[in-house]
Protein backbone atom coordinates (compact mmCIF):
# COMPACT_ATOMS: atom_id res chain seq x y z
CA MET A 1 193.01 14.70 61.22
CA SER A 2 190.86 17.12 63.25
CA THR A 3 189.38 20.29 61.73
CA GLU A 4 191.69 22.41 63.91
CA THR A 5 194.82 20.94 62.31
CA LYS A 6 193.58 20.73 58.72
CA ALA A 7 194.50 23.51 56.29
CA GLN A 8 191.36 25.17 54.92
CA TYR A 9 190.57 27.73 52.23
CA LEU A 10 188.62 30.30 54.27
CA ILE A 11 186.61 31.80 51.40
CA ASP A 12 185.00 28.39 50.78
CA LEU A 13 183.85 27.88 54.40
CA VAL A 14 180.81 30.15 53.98
CA ASP A 15 178.45 30.30 50.99
CA TYR A 16 176.27 33.03 49.54
CA GLN A 17 172.52 32.71 50.04
CA GLU A 18 170.06 34.85 48.09
CA GLY A 19 168.64 37.72 50.15
CA SER A 20 170.64 36.79 53.26
CA VAL A 21 173.66 37.31 55.43
CA VAL A 22 175.27 33.97 56.26
CA SER A 23 177.77 33.61 59.09
CA ARG A 24 180.00 30.86 60.41
CA THR A 25 181.95 31.17 63.65
CA LEU A 26 185.36 29.53 63.37
CA MET A 27 186.66 30.34 66.85
CA GLN A 28 184.94 31.61 69.97
CA LYS A 29 187.13 32.17 73.02
CA ASP A 30 187.12 34.49 76.02
CA ALA A 31 189.79 36.58 74.26
CA GLY A 32 187.79 37.00 71.05
CA THR A 33 186.08 35.47 68.04
CA VAL A 34 186.75 34.80 64.36
CA THR A 35 183.64 34.74 62.17
CA LEU A 36 183.18 34.44 58.41
CA PHE A 37 180.30 36.21 56.64
CA ALA A 38 178.77 36.03 53.16
CA PHE A 39 176.45 38.93 52.21
CA ASP A 40 174.13 38.98 49.23
CA LYS A 41 174.08 42.29 47.33
CA GLY A 42 172.07 44.92 49.21
CA GLU A 43 172.20 43.12 52.56
CA SER A 44 173.51 45.06 55.53
CA LEU A 45 174.24 45.25 59.22
CA SER A 46 172.60 48.28 60.79
CA GLU A 47 174.57 50.77 62.82
CA HIS A 48 175.63 49.45 66.22
CA THR A 49 178.51 49.57 68.69
CA THR A 50 180.50 46.88 70.43
CA PRO A 51 182.74 47.19 73.49
CA PHE A 52 185.58 45.49 71.60
CA ASP A 53 187.92 46.32 68.72
CA ALA A 54 187.22 44.38 65.52
CA MET A 55 189.02 43.89 62.23
CA VAL A 56 187.29 43.18 58.91
CA TYR A 57 189.13 41.49 56.03
CA VAL A 58 187.34 41.24 52.66
CA PHE A 59 187.87 38.00 50.72
CA ASP A 60 185.60 38.77 47.77
CA GLY A 61 183.26 41.47 46.47
CA LYS A 62 182.63 45.04 47.61
CA ALA A 63 181.08 46.68 50.67
CA GLU A 64 180.69 50.05 52.31
CA VAL A 65 181.71 50.18 55.98
CA THR A 66 180.71 53.30 57.89
CA ILE A 67 182.50 54.06 61.15
CA SER A 68 181.41 57.09 63.20
CA GLY A 69 179.63 58.49 60.13
CA HIS A 70 182.63 58.09 57.78
CA PRO A 71 182.03 55.64 54.89
CA THR A 72 184.84 53.56 53.40
CA ILE A 73 184.55 51.29 50.35
CA LEU A 74 186.26 47.93 50.85
CA GLU A 75 187.07 45.45 48.09
CA LYS A 76 188.84 42.11 47.84
CA GLY A 77 192.02 42.17 49.91
CA ASP A 78 191.11 45.27 51.94
CA THR A 79 190.96 45.42 55.72
CA ILE A 80 189.73 47.97 58.26
CA ILE A 81 189.75 48.26 62.05
CA MET A 82 186.47 49.14 63.76
CA PRO A 83 187.40 50.65 67.15
CA ALA A 84 185.54 49.70 70.30
CA ASP A 85 182.55 51.88 71.23
CA LYS A 86 182.44 53.63 67.83
CA PRO A 87 179.18 53.25 65.87
CA HIS A 88 179.62 51.24 62.70
CA ALA A 89 177.47 49.76 59.93
CA LEU A 90 178.04 47.73 56.79
CA GLU A 91 176.28 47.42 53.42
CA ALA A 92 177.02 44.99 50.58
CA LEU A 93 177.44 46.98 47.35
CA GLU A 94 177.74 43.60 45.62
CA LYS A 95 177.99 40.08 46.96
CA PHE A 96 180.92 39.90 49.31
CA LYS A 97 182.61 37.67 51.85
CA MET A 98 184.53 38.83 54.89
CA MET A 99 186.23 37.65 58.03
CA LEU A 100 185.53 39.47 61.29
CA ILE A 101 188.13 39.16 64.04
CA MET A 102 186.93 40.56 67.36
CA ILE A 103 189.46 41.04 70.17
CA LYS A 104 187.88 41.06 73.61
CA SER A 105 190.98 41.30 75.81
């Protein structure tokens, strides 16, 4: 059975690594991408913009996502949309895992 047709537990497809942000791209198409991330506590992504809408879903842990200067605390089970062309940043308040779905078209 190929990986594409095998059921998988997403949270287990990316592991924590001390002092790092670990990512694993599951799908990369012209229309968008699906990427899993594992952040160690205190790790972050600095403020940036993208020309595409993106959705974050938190599998585990706790993070602060700031969009256009407005911080939001996300915990297990939470999701947020990061609109295209709006500055956003992310900081791990504790170890956390997330899925990022970016829609390009």
